[in-house]
Amino acid sequence: MPKNKSAIGEKIRKYRLQKELSQDKLSKAADVAFHTIVKIESGDTPNPTIGTVKKIAAALGVSVDELLK
């Protein structure tokens, strides 16, 4: 059964690609595990914790609101 991508995962991927960051570089910049980024973007973790979202938003240079809209 195919998984649906989460809206937040799609936005993280969009901003990550705009900044020309790999998932590995983003994970290091955000200080979160690589597999966390992979799972969020793939939809395996459609509701990451707010702490994780804050770290990713800061690493991407966007607001938490931008990722949650």
Protein backbone atom coordinates (compact mmCIF):
# COMPACT_ATOMS: atom_id res chain seq x y z
CA MET A 1 0.00 0.00 0.00
CA PRO A 2 1.58 3.34 -1.02
CA LYS A 3 2.16 5.94 1.64
CA ASN A 4 0.86 9.46 1.28
CA LYS A 5 3.47 12.12 1.71
CA SER A 6 2.78 14.52 4.52
CA ALA A 7 2.37 18.22 3.81
CA ILE A 8 5.18 19.06 6.20
CA GLY A 9 7.43 16.47 4.58
CA GLU A 10 6.79 17.95 1.15
CA LYS A 11 7.55 21.46 2.41
CA ILE A 12 10.76 20.38 4.11
CA ARG A 13 11.85 18.69 0.89
CA LYS A 14 10.94 21.79 -1.17
CA TYR A 15 12.94 24.16 1.04
CA ARG A 16 15.82 21.68 1.33
CA LEU A 17 16.10 21.41 -2.45
CA GLN A 18 15.84 25.20 -2.86
CA LYS A 19 18.85 25.52 -0.54
CA GLU A 20 20.61 22.72 -2.43
CA LEU A 21 21.02 20.64 0.72
CA SER A 22 21.15 16.87 0.84
CA GLN A 23 19.14 15.07 3.49
CA ASP A 24 22.43 14.29 5.23
CA LYS A 25 23.54 17.95 5.28
CA LEU A 26 20.14 19.05 6.56
CA SER A 27 20.18 16.45 9.30
CA LYS A 28 23.60 17.66 10.46
CA ALA A 29 22.63 21.34 10.26
CA ALA A 30 19.42 20.70 12.20
CA ASP A 31 21.10 18.33 14.67
CA VAL A 32 18.55 15.59 14.04
CA ALA A 33 19.12 12.01 12.92
CA PHE A 34 19.41 11.42 9.18
CA HIS A 35 16.68 8.78 9.28
CA THR A 36 14.37 11.35 10.90
CA ILE A 37 14.64 13.61 7.84
CA VAL A 38 14.14 10.64 5.52
CA LYS A 39 11.07 9.44 7.44
CA ILE A 40 9.47 12.90 7.58
CA GLU A 41 10.00 13.55 3.86
CA SER A 42 8.76 10.08 2.87
CA GLY A 43 5.63 10.33 5.00
CA ASP A 44 6.64 7.58 7.45
CA THR A 45 6.60 10.24 10.19
CA PRO A 46 3.77 12.59 9.15
CA ASN A 47 3.61 14.33 12.56
CA PRO A 48 7.12 15.10 13.80
CA THR A 49 7.56 16.67 17.23
CA ILE A 50 7.54 20.45 17.47
CA GLY A 51 11.13 20.33 18.70
CA THR A 52 12.22 18.54 15.55
CA VAL A 53 10.24 20.95 13.37
CA LYS A 54 11.88 23.94 15.10
CA LYS A 55 15.37 22.53 14.47
CA ILE A 56 14.63 21.80 10.82
CA ALA A 57 13.03 25.22 10.28
CA ALA A 58 16.07 26.96 11.80
CA ALA A 59 18.45 24.93 9.61
CA LEU A 60 16.41 25.83 6.52
CA GLY A 61 16.12 29.50 7.49
CA VAL A 62 12.32 29.47 7.47
CA SER A 63 9.72 29.88 10.19
CA VAL A 64 7.94 26.98 11.81
CA ASP A 65 4.73 28.51 10.46
CA GLU A 66 6.03 28.16 6.89
CA LEU A 67 6.49 24.44 7.39
CA LEU A 68 3.13 23.95 9.10
CA LYS A 69 0.94 25.94 6.67
